[in-house]
Amino acid sequence: MNFKRFNLQSALIAGVLATVIMTVFMALTGTNIVKMLGMTAGFSGMGVYFVGGMMHFGIGVFYALLYALVFEPLLKKLPNFLAGAVYSLLPFVIALTMMGTVMTMMHTIFGSQHKDMMNACNPCGQMEENPCNPCGGKEDNPCNPCNPCGGEMNPCNPRGGQTGEEMNPCNPCNPCGAGQGSAWLWSLLNHLVYGLSLGFFYRARKEQAA
């Protein structure tokens, strides 16, 4: 760790700005990450956006602090934006490999009742707007295409089958699925946007010559 280069104020500002830019980019490409996190945590109404926003921005700022404190000094010979882009591979890999574990932790922390009742993609949910709820609204039809007992081509089959897990919008193992079997690519792009922005906005303290 190079504390001489660490700039706390710049890291906080860069983390917030990079998270905002990433959030806007994701929204433009069809993913409301704040709403998704809030609903996964089991909240509804405005609580979805408050809790989801706190979680999303908390993670963004955490990664910014980690970058400024540990990785920026290691990548200081690279242009700022490129250093951030290289660093973005770390949160990308973590998101790719740890998403299931994180979701399980969220369910444990916030309670199973919230998980069952409010998760929009939980087949046990009771909310009518739940697209995969077989009992709510039109979903009480046994021939409903979102019936979780449907076959492999069912777009809401928890296992995805031939449609591929990434294409299943209600696959509990891939809540960020972007369709067309390219969820990992969209995740990479999202994190690259974050990393490029983080590197661009962050300014390390200048090291004084001995």
N, C-alpha and C. Protein backbone atom coordinates (compact mmCIF):
# COMPACT_ATOMS: atom_id res chain seq x y z
N MET A 1 0.83 -1.19 0.00
CA MET A 1 0.00 0.00 0.00
C MET A 1 0.88 1.25 0.00
N ASN A 2 0.51 2.21 -0.85
CA ASN A 2 1.26 3.46 -0.93
C ASN A 2 0.37 4.59 -0.41
N PHE A 3 0.45 4.84 0.89
CA PHE A 3 -0.41 5.85 1.50
C PHE A 3 -0.06 7.25 1.04
N LYS A 4 1.16 7.44 0.55
CA LYS A 4 1.57 8.77 0.09
C LYS A 4 0.78 9.19 -1.15
N ARG A 5 0.35 8.23 -1.95
CA ARG A 5 -0.41 8.54 -3.15
C ARG A 5 -1.93 8.54 -2.91
N PHE A 6 -2.33 7.97 -1.80
CA PHE A 6 -3.76 7.80 -1.54
C PHE A 6 -4.44 9.14 -1.31
N ASN A 7 -5.50 9.39 -2.07
CA ASN A 7 -6.27 10.63 -1.97
C ASN A 7 -7.71 10.25 -1.65
N LEU A 8 -8.07 10.32 -0.37
CA LEU A 8 -9.38 9.86 0.09
C LEU A 8 -10.51 10.64 -0.57
N GLN A 9 -10.40 11.95 -0.58
CA GLN A 9 -11.48 12.77 -1.13
C GLN A 9 -11.70 12.47 -2.62
N SER A 10 -10.61 12.38 -3.36
CA SER A 10 -10.72 12.10 -4.79
C SER A 10 -11.28 10.70 -5.02
N ALA A 11 -10.90 9.74 -4.19
CA ALA A 11 -11.40 8.37 -4.34
C ALA A 11 -12.90 8.31 -4.11
N LEU A 12 -13.39 9.03 -3.11
CA LEU A 12 -14.83 9.04 -2.82
C LEU A 12 -15.61 9.68 -3.97
N ILE A 13 -15.11 10.81 -4.46
CA ILE A 13 -15.78 11.49 -5.57
C ILE A 13 -15.75 10.64 -6.83
N ALA A 14 -14.58 10.08 -7.13
CA ALA A 14 -14.44 9.25 -8.33
C ALA A 14 -15.32 8.01 -8.23
N GLY A 15 -15.42 7.43 -7.03
CA GLY A 15 -16.25 6.25 -6.85
C GLY A 15 -17.72 6.53 -7.10
N VAL A 16 -18.19 7.66 -6.60
CA VAL A 16 -19.60 8.03 -6.81
C VAL A 16 -19.86 8.33 -8.28
N LEU A 17 -18.99 9.12 -8.90
CA LEU A 17 -19.18 9.47 -10.31
C LEU A 17 -19.12 8.24 -11.21
N ALA A 18 -18.16 7.36 -10.95
CA ALA A 18 -18.03 6.14 -11.76
C ALA A 18 -19.25 5.25 -11.60
N THR A 19 -19.79 5.18 -10.38
CA THR A 19 -20.98 4.36 -10.14
C THR A 19 -22.19 4.96 -10.84
N VAL A 20 -22.31 6.28 -10.82
CA VAL A 20 -23.42 6.94 -11.52
C VAL A 20 -23.35 6.65 -13.02
N ILE A 21 -22.17 6.79 -13.59
CA ILE A 21 -22.01 6.56 -15.03
C ILE A 21 -22.31 5.10 -15.38
N MET A 22 -21.84 4.18 -14.56
CA MET A 22 -22.12 2.77 -14.78
C MET A 22 -23.62 2.49 -14.68
N THR A 23 -24.27 3.10 -13.69
CA THR A 23 -25.70 2.90 -13.50
C THR A 23 -26.49 3.40 -14.69
N VAL A 24 -26.13 4.57 -15.20
CA VAL A 24 -26.80 5.13 -16.38
C VAL A 24 -26.58 4.24 -17.59
N PHE A 25 -25.35 3.77 -17.76
CA PHE A 25 -25.04 2.88 -18.89
C PHE A 25 -25.86 1.61 -18.82
N MET A 26 -25.97 1.02 -17.62
CA MET A 26 -26.75 -0.19 -17.46
C MET A 26 -28.23 0.06 -17.73
N ALA A 27 -28.72 1.23 -17.29
CA ALA A 27 -30.13 1.56 -17.53
C ALA A 27 -30.40 1.70 -19.02
N LEU A 28 -29.47 2.32 -19.74
CA LEU A 28 -29.63 2.50 -21.18
C LEU A 28 -29.60 1.17 -21.93
N THR A 29 -28.96 0.17 -21.34
CA THR A 29 -28.89 -1.14 -21.98
C THR A 29 -29.91 -2.12 -21.39
N GLY A 30 -30.83 -1.58 -20.58
CA GLY A 30 -31.96 -2.40 -20.14
C GLY A 30 -31.86 -3.04 -18.78
N THR A 31 -30.90 -2.62 -17.94
CA THR A 31 -30.77 -3.22 -16.61
C THR A 31 -30.88 -2.16 -15.53
N ASN A 32 -31.89 -2.27 -14.69
CA ASN A 32 -32.06 -1.37 -13.55
C ASN A 32 -31.41 -2.04 -12.35
N ILE A 33 -30.12 -1.85 -12.19
CA ILE A 33 -29.35 -2.55 -11.16
C ILE A 33 -29.80 -2.17 -9.75
N VAL A 34 -30.19 -0.91 -9.55
CA VAL A 34 -30.64 -0.47 -8.23
C VAL A 34 -31.93 -1.18 -7.85
N LYS A 35 -32.88 -1.25 -8.75
CA LYS A 35 -34.15 -1.92 -8.48
C LYS A 35 -33.93 -3.41 -8.26
N MET A 36 -33.04 -4.00 -9.08
CA MET A 36 -32.78 -5.43 -8.96
C MET A 36 -32.22 -5.77 -7.58
N LEU A 37 -31.26 -4.98 -7.12
CA LEU A 37 -30.66 -5.24 -5.81
C LEU A 37 -31.68 -5.06 -4.69
N GLY A 38 -32.49 -4.01 -4.79
CA GLY A 38 -33.49 -3.76 -3.76
C GLY A 38 -34.53 -4.85 -3.68
N MET A 39 -34.97 -5.35 -4.84
CA MET A 39 -35.97 -6.42 -4.87
C MET A 39 -35.37 -7.74 -4.40
N THR A 40 -34.12 -7.99 -4.77
CA THR A 40 -33.46 -9.22 -4.33
C THR A 40 -33.31 -9.24 -2.82
N ALA A 41 -33.10 -8.04 -2.25
CA ALA A 41 -32.99 -7.95 -0.79
C ALA A 41 -34.35 -8.09 -0.11
N GLY A 42 -35.44 -8.06 -0.91
CA GLY A 42 -36.76 -8.31 -0.36
C GLY A 42 -37.58 -7.08 -0.05
N PHE A 43 -37.22 -5.93 -0.62
CA PHE A 43 -37.95 -4.71 -0.32
C PHE A 43 -38.92 -4.37 -1.46
N SER A 44 -39.85 -3.47 -1.15
CA SER A 44 -40.83 -3.05 -2.13
C SER A 44 -41.01 -1.55 -2.04
N GLY A 45 -41.75 -0.98 -2.99
CA GLY A 45 -42.00 0.45 -2.98
C GLY A 45 -40.71 1.24 -3.10
N MET A 46 -40.66 2.37 -2.40
CA MET A 46 -39.47 3.22 -2.43
C MET A 46 -38.30 2.55 -1.74
N GLY A 47 -38.58 1.59 -0.86
CA GLY A 47 -37.51 0.88 -0.18
C GLY A 47 -36.61 0.15 -1.15
N VAL A 48 -37.18 -0.28 -2.29
CA VAL A 48 -36.39 -0.97 -3.32
C VAL A 48 -35.25 -0.08 -3.78
N TYR A 49 -35.57 1.18 -4.07
CA TYR A 49 -34.56 2.09 -4.60
C TYR A 49 -33.62 2.62 -3.52
N PHE A 50 -34.15 2.80 -2.32
CA PHE A 50 -33.29 3.28 -1.23
C PHE A 50 -32.24 2.23 -0.87
N VAL A 51 -32.72 1.00 -0.59
CA VAL A 51 -31.80 -0.07 -0.19
C VAL A 51 -30.90 -0.47 -1.36
N GLY A 52 -31.50 -0.61 -2.54
CA GLY A 52 -30.71 -0.97 -3.71
C GLY A 52 -29.67 0.08 -4.04
N GLY A 53 -30.04 1.36 -3.91
CA GLY A 53 -29.09 2.43 -4.16
C GLY A 53 -27.96 2.45 -3.16
N MET A 54 -28.29 2.26 -1.88
CA MET A 54 -27.26 2.22 -0.84
C MET A 54 -26.28 1.09 -1.09
N MET A 55 -26.80 -0.07 -1.46
CA MET A 55 -25.94 -1.23 -1.72
C MET A 55 -25.06 -0.98 -2.94
N HIS A 56 -25.69 -0.50 -4.01
CA HIS A 56 -24.96 -0.31 -5.26
C HIS A 56 -23.85 0.73 -5.12
N PHE A 57 -24.19 1.87 -4.52
CA PHE A 57 -23.19 2.93 -4.37
C PHE A 57 -22.16 2.57 -3.31
N GLY A 58 -22.59 1.82 -2.30
CA GLY A 58 -21.62 1.36 -1.30
C GLY A 58 -20.55 0.48 -1.92
N ILE A 59 -20.98 -0.42 -2.79
CA ILE A 59 -20.03 -1.30 -3.47
C ILE A 59 -19.12 -0.49 -4.39
N GLY A 60 -19.72 0.47 -5.12
CA GLY A 60 -18.94 1.30 -6.03
C GLY A 60 -17.87 2.09 -5.31
N VAL A 61 -18.22 2.67 -4.17
CA VAL A 61 -17.25 3.45 -3.39
C VAL A 61 -16.19 2.54 -2.78
N PHE A 62 -16.61 1.37 -2.32
CA PHE A 62 -15.64 0.41 -1.76
C PHE A 62 -14.58 0.05 -2.79
N TYR A 63 -15.00 -0.27 -4.01
CA TYR A 63 -14.04 -0.63 -5.04
C TYR A 63 -13.16 0.56 -5.41
N ALA A 64 -13.69 1.77 -5.32
CA ALA A 64 -12.89 2.96 -5.61
C ALA A 64 -11.80 3.14 -4.55
N LEU A 65 -12.15 2.92 -3.30
CA LEU A 65 -11.15 3.03 -2.22
C LEU A 65 -10.08 1.96 -2.36
N LEU A 66 -10.51 0.75 -2.71
CA LEU A 66 -9.56 -0.34 -2.90
C LEU A 66 -8.60 -0.02 -4.05
N TYR A 67 -9.15 0.53 -5.12
CA TYR A 67 -8.32 0.92 -6.27
C TYR A 67 -7.30 1.98 -5.88
N ALA A 68 -7.77 3.03 -5.21
CA ALA A 68 -6.90 4.14 -4.86
C ALA A 68 -5.80 3.74 -3.87
N LEU A 69 -6.14 2.85 -2.96
CA LEU A 69 -5.21 2.48 -1.90
C LEU A 69 -4.22 1.40 -2.32
N VAL A 70 -4.68 0.43 -3.11
CA VAL A 70 -3.84 -0.74 -3.41
C VAL A 70 -3.40 -0.81 -4.87
N PHE A 71 -4.33 -0.65 -5.79
CA PHE A 71 -4.03 -0.97 -7.18
C PHE A 71 -3.53 0.20 -8.00
N GLU A 72 -3.98 1.40 -7.72
CA GLU A 72 -3.51 2.55 -8.49
C GLU A 72 -2.00 2.72 -8.40
N PRO A 73 -1.39 2.58 -7.20
CA PRO A 73 0.07 2.69 -7.14
C PRO A 73 0.78 1.62 -7.98
N LEU A 74 0.18 0.45 -8.11
CA LEU A 74 0.79 -0.61 -8.90
C LEU A 74 0.66 -0.35 -10.40
N LEU A 75 -0.35 0.43 -10.77
CA LEU A 75 -0.64 0.68 -12.18
C LEU A 75 -0.32 2.13 -12.57
N LYS A 76 0.44 2.82 -11.76
CA LYS A 76 0.65 4.26 -11.95
C LYS A 76 1.39 4.62 -13.24
N LYS A 77 2.09 3.65 -13.84
CA LYS A 77 2.80 3.94 -15.08
C LYS A 77 1.86 3.96 -16.29
N LEU A 78 0.65 3.44 -16.10
CA LEU A 78 -0.33 3.45 -17.17
C LEU A 78 -1.11 4.76 -17.16
N PRO A 79 -1.66 5.16 -18.30
CA PRO A 79 -2.58 6.32 -18.30
C PRO A 79 -3.72 6.07 -17.32
N ASN A 80 -4.24 7.12 -16.71
CA ASN A 80 -5.25 6.97 -15.67
C ASN A 80 -6.43 6.11 -16.10
N PHE A 81 -7.00 6.42 -17.27
CA PHE A 81 -8.19 5.69 -17.70
C PHE A 81 -7.88 4.23 -17.97
N LEU A 82 -6.66 3.95 -18.49
CA LEU A 82 -6.28 2.57 -18.78
C LEU A 82 -6.04 1.79 -17.49
N ALA A 83 -5.46 2.46 -16.50
CA ALA A 83 -5.25 1.81 -15.20
C ALA A 83 -6.60 1.41 -14.60
N GLY A 84 -7.58 2.29 -14.72
CA GLY A 84 -8.91 1.97 -14.22
C GLY A 84 -9.55 0.83 -14.98
N ALA A 85 -9.32 0.80 -16.29
CA ALA A 85 -9.88 -0.28 -17.11
C ALA A 85 -9.29 -1.63 -16.72
N VAL A 86 -7.99 -1.66 -16.49
CA VAL A 86 -7.33 -2.90 -16.08
C VAL A 86 -7.87 -3.34 -14.72
N TYR A 87 -8.02 -2.39 -13.82
CA TYR A 87 -8.53 -2.71 -12.48
C TYR A 87 -9.95 -3.25 -12.53
N SER A 88 -10.74 -2.80 -13.49
CA SER A 88 -12.15 -3.21 -13.57
C SER A 88 -12.30 -4.71 -13.77
N LEU A 89 -11.25 -5.37 -14.22
CA LEU A 89 -11.31 -6.81 -14.41
C LEU A 89 -11.48 -7.53 -13.06
N LEU A 90 -10.97 -6.91 -11.99
CA LEU A 90 -11.10 -7.53 -10.67
C LEU A 90 -12.56 -7.58 -10.20
N PRO A 91 -13.28 -6.46 -10.14
CA PRO A 91 -14.69 -6.55 -9.75
C PRO A 91 -15.52 -7.36 -10.74
N PHE A 92 -15.12 -7.37 -12.01
CA PHE A 92 -15.83 -8.18 -13.00
C PHE A 92 -15.73 -9.66 -12.66
N VAL A 93 -14.53 -10.13 -12.37
CA VAL A 93 -14.33 -11.54 -12.03
C VAL A 93 -15.04 -11.89 -10.74
N ILE A 94 -14.99 -10.99 -9.76
CA ILE A 94 -15.66 -11.23 -8.49
C ILE A 94 -17.17 -11.34 -8.71
N ALA A 95 -17.73 -10.42 -9.51
CA ALA A 95 -19.16 -10.47 -9.78
C ALA A 95 -19.54 -11.74 -10.53
N LEU A 96 -18.68 -12.15 -11.44
CA LEU A 96 -18.97 -13.33 -12.25
C LEU A 96 -18.96 -14.61 -11.44
N THR A 97 -18.06 -14.68 -10.47
CA THR A 97 -17.88 -15.92 -9.72
C THR A 97 -18.60 -15.95 -8.38
N MET A 98 -18.94 -14.78 -7.85
CA MET A 98 -19.48 -14.72 -6.49
C MET A 98 -20.94 -14.30 -6.43
N MET A 99 -21.59 -14.06 -7.60
CA MET A 99 -22.94 -13.55 -7.59
C MET A 99 -23.90 -14.45 -6.82
N GLY A 100 -23.82 -15.75 -7.06
CA GLY A 100 -24.72 -16.67 -6.37
C GLY A 100 -24.54 -16.62 -4.87
N THR A 101 -23.28 -16.58 -4.42
CA THR A 101 -22.99 -16.51 -2.99
C THR A 101 -23.51 -15.21 -2.39
N VAL A 102 -23.32 -14.12 -3.11
CA VAL A 102 -23.78 -12.82 -2.62
C VAL A 102 -25.30 -12.80 -2.49
N MET A 103 -26.00 -13.35 -3.49
CA MET A 103 -27.45 -13.38 -3.43
C MET A 103 -27.94 -14.21 -2.24
N THR A 104 -27.27 -15.33 -2.00
CA THR A 104 -27.63 -16.17 -0.86
C THR A 104 -27.43 -15.42 0.45
N MET A 105 -26.32 -14.68 0.54
CA MET A 105 -26.05 -13.89 1.74
C MET A 105 -27.12 -12.81 1.94
N MET A 106 -27.54 -12.20 0.84
CA MET A 106 -28.57 -11.17 0.93
C MET A 106 -29.87 -11.75 1.46
N HIS A 107 -30.23 -12.95 0.95
CA HIS A 107 -31.45 -13.60 1.42
C HIS A 107 -31.36 -13.91 2.90
N THR A 108 -30.17 -14.34 3.35
CA THR A 108 -29.97 -14.69 4.76
C THR A 108 -30.05 -13.45 5.63
N ILE A 109 -29.40 -12.38 5.18
CA ILE A 109 -29.35 -11.15 5.97
C ILE A 109 -30.72 -10.50 6.10
N PHE A 110 -31.45 -10.43 4.99
CA PHE A 110 -32.72 -9.71 4.99
C PHE A 110 -33.92 -10.59 5.33
N GLY A 111 -33.70 -11.90 5.42
CA GLY A 111 -34.78 -12.78 5.87
C GLY A 111 -35.50 -13.46 4.75
N SER A 112 -35.89 -14.72 4.99
CA SER A 112 -36.54 -15.52 3.96
C SER A 112 -37.91 -15.01 3.60
N GLN A 113 -38.61 -14.35 4.56
CA GLN A 113 -39.94 -13.86 4.25
C GLN A 113 -39.89 -12.81 3.16
N HIS A 114 -38.96 -11.89 3.29
CA HIS A 114 -38.79 -10.87 2.25
C HIS A 114 -38.40 -11.53 0.95
N LYS A 115 -37.52 -12.48 1.03
CA LYS A 115 -37.05 -13.16 -0.18
C LYS A 115 -38.20 -13.81 -0.92
N ASP A 116 -39.05 -14.52 -0.18
CA ASP A 116 -40.13 -15.26 -0.83
C ASP A 116 -41.24 -14.35 -1.35
N MET A 117 -41.51 -13.28 -0.59
CA MET A 117 -42.65 -12.45 -0.92
C MET A 117 -42.37 -11.38 -1.95
N MET A 118 -41.11 -10.88 -2.00
CA MET A 118 -40.84 -9.70 -2.78
C MET A 118 -39.93 -9.91 -3.99
N ASN A 119 -39.19 -10.98 -4.02
CA ASN A 119 -38.27 -11.20 -5.12
C ASN A 119 -39.05 -11.40 -6.41
N ALA A 120 -38.88 -10.49 -7.38
CA ALA A 120 -39.69 -10.51 -8.60
C ALA A 120 -39.48 -11.77 -9.43
N CYS A 121 -38.36 -12.43 -9.24
CA CYS A 121 -38.10 -13.63 -10.02
C CYS A 121 -38.13 -14.89 -9.17
N ASN A 122 -38.68 -14.81 -7.98
CA ASN A 122 -38.82 -15.98 -7.13
C ASN A 122 -40.13 -16.67 -7.46
N PRO A 123 -40.11 -17.94 -7.92
CA PRO A 123 -41.36 -18.62 -8.28
C PRO A 123 -42.29 -18.82 -7.10
N CYS A 124 -41.81 -18.59 -5.88
CA CYS A 124 -42.67 -18.72 -4.70
C CYS A 124 -43.25 -17.37 -4.27
N GLY A 125 -42.88 -16.30 -4.98
CA GLY A 125 -43.35 -14.98 -4.62
C GLY A 125 -44.86 -14.87 -4.75
N GLN A 126 -45.44 -13.95 -4.00
CA GLN A 126 -46.90 -13.80 -4.00
C GLN A 126 -47.35 -12.49 -4.63
N MET A 127 -46.42 -11.69 -5.11
CA MET A 127 -46.81 -10.42 -5.71
C MET A 127 -47.33 -10.66 -7.12
N GLU A 128 -48.44 -9.99 -7.48
CA GLU A 128 -49.04 -10.21 -8.78
C GLU A 128 -48.11 -9.79 -9.91
N GLU A 129 -47.26 -8.78 -9.66
CA GLU A 129 -46.36 -8.32 -10.72
C GLU A 129 -45.16 -9.23 -10.90
N ASN A 130 -45.09 -10.28 -10.07
CA ASN A 130 -44.01 -11.24 -10.21
C ASN A 130 -44.17 -12.00 -11.52
N PRO A 131 -43.26 -11.80 -12.50
CA PRO A 131 -43.43 -12.44 -13.81
C PRO A 131 -43.33 -13.96 -13.78
N CYS A 132 -42.80 -14.50 -12.69
CA CYS A 132 -42.65 -15.96 -12.62
C CYS A 132 -43.51 -16.56 -11.51
N ASN A 133 -44.46 -15.80 -11.00
CA ASN A 133 -45.33 -16.32 -9.96
C ASN A 133 -46.47 -17.13 -10.59
N PRO A 134 -46.52 -18.45 -10.37
CA PRO A 134 -47.56 -19.27 -11.01
C PRO A 134 -48.94 -19.08 -10.38
N CYS A 135 -49.02 -18.36 -9.26
CA CYS A 135 -50.30 -18.23 -8.57
C CYS A 135 -50.89 -16.82 -8.64
N GLY A 136 -50.10 -15.82 -9.03
CA GLY A 136 -50.59 -14.46 -9.02
C GLY A 136 -51.15 -14.02 -10.36
N GLY A 137 -52.28 -13.33 -10.34
CA GLY A 137 -52.86 -12.78 -11.54
C GLY A 137 -53.06 -13.80 -12.63
N LYS A 138 -52.62 -13.50 -13.84
CA LYS A 138 -52.77 -14.41 -14.97
C LYS A 138 -51.89 -15.64 -14.82
N GLU A 139 -50.94 -15.56 -13.89
CA GLU A 139 -50.01 -16.67 -13.72
C GLU A 139 -50.65 -17.88 -13.06
N ASP A 140 -51.94 -17.79 -12.71
CA ASP A 140 -52.59 -18.97 -12.13
C ASP A 140 -52.98 -19.97 -13.22
N ASN A 141 -52.78 -19.60 -14.46
CA ASN A 141 -53.06 -20.50 -15.58
C ASN A 141 -52.01 -21.61 -15.61
N PRO A 142 -52.41 -22.90 -15.53
CA PRO A 142 -51.43 -24.00 -15.52
C PRO A 142 -50.62 -24.06 -16.81
N CYS A 143 -51.12 -23.42 -17.86
CA CYS A 143 -50.36 -23.41 -19.12
C CYS A 143 -49.52 -22.15 -19.27
N ASN A 144 -49.43 -21.38 -18.20
CA ASN A 144 -48.67 -20.14 -18.24
C ASN A 144 -47.22 -20.42 -18.63
N PRO A 145 -46.68 -19.66 -19.60
CA PRO A 145 -45.30 -19.93 -20.03
C PRO A 145 -44.26 -19.66 -18.97
N CYS A 146 -44.64 -18.97 -17.90
CA CYS A 146 -43.68 -18.71 -16.83
C CYS A 146 -43.82 -19.70 -15.68
N ASN A 147 -44.61 -20.75 -15.86
CA ASN A 147 -44.72 -21.77 -14.83
C ASN A 147 -43.34 -22.39 -14.61
N PRO A 148 -42.80 -22.32 -13.36
CA PRO A 148 -41.45 -22.84 -13.12
C PRO A 148 -41.32 -24.33 -13.36
N CYS A 149 -42.44 -25.02 -13.53
CA CYS A 149 -42.37 -26.45 -13.83
C CYS A 149 -42.34 -26.70 -15.33
N GLY A 150 -42.28 -25.65 -16.12
CA GLY A 150 -42.28 -25.78 -17.57
C GLY A 150 -41.04 -26.49 -18.09
N GLY A 151 -41.06 -26.76 -19.36
CA GLY A 151 -39.95 -27.50 -19.98
C GLY A 151 -38.72 -26.66 -20.20
N GLU A 152 -37.76 -27.25 -20.89
CA GLU A 152 -36.47 -26.59 -21.07
C GLU A 152 -36.57 -25.29 -21.85
N MET A 153 -37.55 -25.19 -22.76
CA MET A 153 -37.67 -23.99 -23.56
C MET A 153 -38.48 -22.90 -22.86
N ASN A 154 -38.97 -23.19 -21.66
CA ASN A 154 -39.72 -22.22 -20.89
C ASN A 154 -38.80 -21.06 -20.51
N PRO A 155 -39.12 -19.82 -20.89
CA PRO A 155 -38.22 -18.70 -20.60
C PRO A 155 -38.03 -18.42 -19.12
N CYS A 156 -38.90 -18.99 -18.28
CA CYS A 156 -38.76 -18.77 -16.84
C CYS A 156 -38.39 -20.05 -16.10
N ASN A 157 -37.98 -21.06 -16.84
CA ASN A 157 -37.49 -22.28 -16.20
C ASN A 157 -36.24 -21.93 -15.39
N PRO A 158 -36.22 -22.21 -14.07
CA PRO A 158 -35.06 -21.85 -13.26
C PRO A 158 -33.74 -22.36 -13.80
N ARG A 159 -33.76 -23.45 -14.56
CA ARG A 159 -32.50 -23.98 -15.06
C ARG A 159 -32.18 -23.46 -16.45
N GLY A 160 -33.12 -22.83 -17.11
CA GLY A 160 -32.82 -22.24 -18.39
C GLY A 160 -32.86 -23.22 -19.54
N GLY A 161 -32.39 -24.42 -19.35
CA GLY A 161 -32.40 -25.45 -20.38
C GLY A 161 -31.75 -24.99 -21.67
N GLN A 162 -32.39 -25.30 -22.78
CA GLN A 162 -31.81 -24.99 -24.06
C GLN A 162 -31.76 -23.50 -24.34
N THR A 163 -32.53 -22.73 -23.58
CA THR A 163 -32.48 -21.28 -23.81
C THR A 163 -31.19 -20.69 -23.27
N GLY A 164 -30.51 -21.44 -22.44
CA GLY A 164 -29.29 -20.93 -21.84
C GLY A 164 -29.59 -20.13 -20.60
N GLU A 165 -28.81 -20.34 -19.55
CA GLU A 165 -29.08 -19.67 -18.29
C GLU A 165 -29.04 -18.15 -18.44
N GLU A 166 -28.14 -17.64 -19.32
CA GLU A 166 -28.01 -16.21 -19.45
C GLU A 166 -29.25 -15.58 -20.08
N MET A 167 -30.03 -16.36 -20.86
CA MET A 167 -31.18 -15.81 -21.54
C MET A 167 -32.43 -15.82 -20.68
N ASN A 168 -32.37 -16.52 -19.58
CA ASN A 168 -33.55 -16.67 -18.73
C ASN A 168 -33.68 -15.46 -17.81
N PRO A 169 -34.69 -14.59 -18.02
CA PRO A 169 -34.80 -13.38 -17.21
C PRO A 169 -35.16 -13.67 -15.77
N CYS A 170 -35.62 -14.87 -15.48
CA CYS A 170 -36.03 -15.20 -14.12
C CYS A 170 -35.16 -16.29 -13.51
N ASN A 171 -34.02 -16.52 -14.09
CA ASN A 171 -33.12 -17.54 -13.56
C ASN A 171 -32.50 -17.04 -12.26
N PRO A 172 -32.79 -17.69 -11.12
CA PRO A 172 -32.26 -17.21 -9.84
C PRO A 172 -30.75 -17.30 -9.75
N CYS A 173 -30.13 -18.06 -10.66
CA CYS A 173 -28.67 -18.16 -10.65
C CYS A 173 -28.04 -17.06 -11.49
N ASN A 174 -28.84 -16.30 -12.22
CA ASN A 174 -28.29 -15.25 -13.06
C ASN A 174 -29.24 -14.06 -13.09
N PRO A 175 -29.40 -13.35 -11.97
CA PRO A 175 -30.35 -12.24 -11.92
C PRO A 175 -29.99 -11.09 -12.83
N CYS A 176 -28.75 -11.07 -13.33
CA CYS A 176 -28.33 -9.98 -14.20
C CYS A 176 -28.33 -10.41 -15.66
N GLY A 177 -28.97 -11.52 -15.97
CA GLY A 177 -28.95 -12.03 -17.34
C GLY A 177 -29.33 -10.97 -18.34
N ALA A 178 -28.51 -10.82 -19.40
CA ALA A 178 -28.75 -9.78 -20.38
C ALA A 178 -29.32 -10.32 -21.67
N GLY A 179 -29.53 -11.63 -21.74
CA GLY A 179 -30.11 -12.20 -22.95
C GLY A 179 -29.07 -12.60 -23.96
N GLN A 180 -29.52 -13.43 -24.90
CA GLN A 180 -28.68 -13.86 -26.01
C GLN A 180 -27.41 -14.56 -25.55
N GLY A 181 -27.42 -15.13 -24.37
CA GLY A 181 -26.27 -15.88 -23.90
C GLY A 181 -25.04 -15.05 -23.67
N SER A 182 -25.20 -13.72 -23.50
CA SER A 182 -24.04 -12.84 -23.41
C SER A 182 -24.02 -12.05 -22.10
N ALA A 183 -24.58 -12.60 -21.03
CA ALA A 183 -24.61 -11.88 -19.76
C ALA A 183 -23.21 -11.52 -19.29
N TRP A 184 -22.28 -12.44 -19.47
CA TRP A 184 -20.91 -12.18 -19.02
C TRP A 184 -20.30 -11.02 -19.80
N LEU A 185 -20.64 -10.89 -21.08
CA LEU A 185 -20.10 -9.80 -21.90
C LEU A 185 -20.66 -8.45 -21.45
N TRP A 186 -21.96 -8.43 -21.16
CA TRP A 186 -22.56 -7.19 -20.67
C TRP A 186 -21.97 -6.82 -19.31
N SER A 187 -21.74 -7.81 -18.48
CA SER A 187 -21.13 -7.54 -17.18
C SER A 187 -19.74 -6.96 -17.35
N LEU A 188 -18.99 -7.50 -18.29
CA LEU A 188 -17.65 -6.99 -18.57
C LEU A 188 -17.72 -5.54 -19.04
N LEU A 189 -18.64 -5.25 -19.95
CA LEU A 189 -18.79 -3.89 -20.45
C LEU A 189 -19.18 -2.93 -19.33
N ASN A 190 -20.10 -3.37 -18.48
CA ASN A 190 -20.52 -2.53 -17.36
C ASN A 190 -19.35 -2.18 -16.45
N HIS A 191 -18.54 -3.19 -16.15
CA HIS A 191 -17.40 -2.95 -15.26
C HIS A 191 -16.30 -2.15 -15.95
N LEU A 192 -16.16 -2.31 -17.25
CA LEU A 192 -15.18 -1.49 -17.99
C LEU A 192 -15.59 -0.02 -17.95
N VAL A 193 -16.88 0.23 -18.10
CA VAL A 193 -17.38 1.61 -18.02
C VAL A 193 -17.06 2.19 -16.64
N TYR A 194 -17.28 1.38 -15.61
CA TYR A 194 -16.97 1.82 -14.25
C TYR A 194 -15.48 2.08 -14.10
N GLY A 195 -14.65 1.14 -14.55
CA GLY A 195 -13.20 1.27 -14.39
C GLY A 195 -12.62 2.44 -15.17
N LEU A 196 -13.07 2.62 -16.40
CA LEU A 196 -12.60 3.75 -17.21
C LEU A 196 -12.95 5.07 -16.53
N SER A 197 -14.18 5.15 -16.02
CA SER A 197 -14.62 6.38 -15.35
C SER A 197 -13.84 6.60 -14.06
N LEU A 198 -13.64 5.53 -13.31
CA LEU A 198 -12.90 5.63 -12.05
C LEU A 198 -11.48 6.12 -12.29
N GLY A 199 -10.81 5.51 -13.26
CA GLY A 199 -9.44 5.93 -13.56
C GLY A 199 -9.37 7.36 -14.07
N PHE A 200 -10.36 7.76 -14.81
CA PHE A 200 -10.38 9.12 -15.38
C PHE A 200 -10.55 10.17 -14.30
N PHE A 201 -11.43 9.91 -13.33
CA PHE A 201 -11.75 10.92 -12.32
C PHE A 201 -10.80 10.91 -11.12
N TYR A 202 -10.22 9.78 -10.83
CA TYR A 202 -9.37 9.71 -9.62
C TYR A 202 -8.04 10.41 -9.85
N ARG A 203 -7.63 11.19 -8.87
CA ARG A 203 -6.35 11.87 -8.92
C ARG A 203 -5.56 11.53 -7.67
N ALA A 204 -4.48 10.80 -7.85
CA ALA A 204 -3.62 10.43 -6.72
C ALA A 204 -2.79 11.64 -6.30
N ARG A 205 -2.37 11.61 -5.05
CA ARG A 205 -1.48 12.67 -4.57
C ARG A 205 -0.11 12.50 -5.22
N LYS A 206 0.52 13.61 -5.50
CA LYS A 206 1.86 13.57 -6.10
C LYS A 206 2.87 13.16 -5.06
N GLU A 207 3.74 12.25 -5.45
CA GLU A 207 4.80 11.80 -4.55
C GLU A 207 5.93 12.82 -4.57
N GLN A 208 6.33 13.25 -3.39
CA GLN A 208 7.40 14.21 -3.30
C GLN A 208 8.75 13.53 -3.41
N ALA A 209 9.61 14.14 -4.14
CA ALA A 209 10.96 13.56 -4.31
C ALA A 209 11.72 13.60 -3.00
N ALA A 210 12.50 12.54 -2.77
CA ALA A 210 13.25 12.47 -1.51
C ALA A 210 14.37 13.49 -1.50
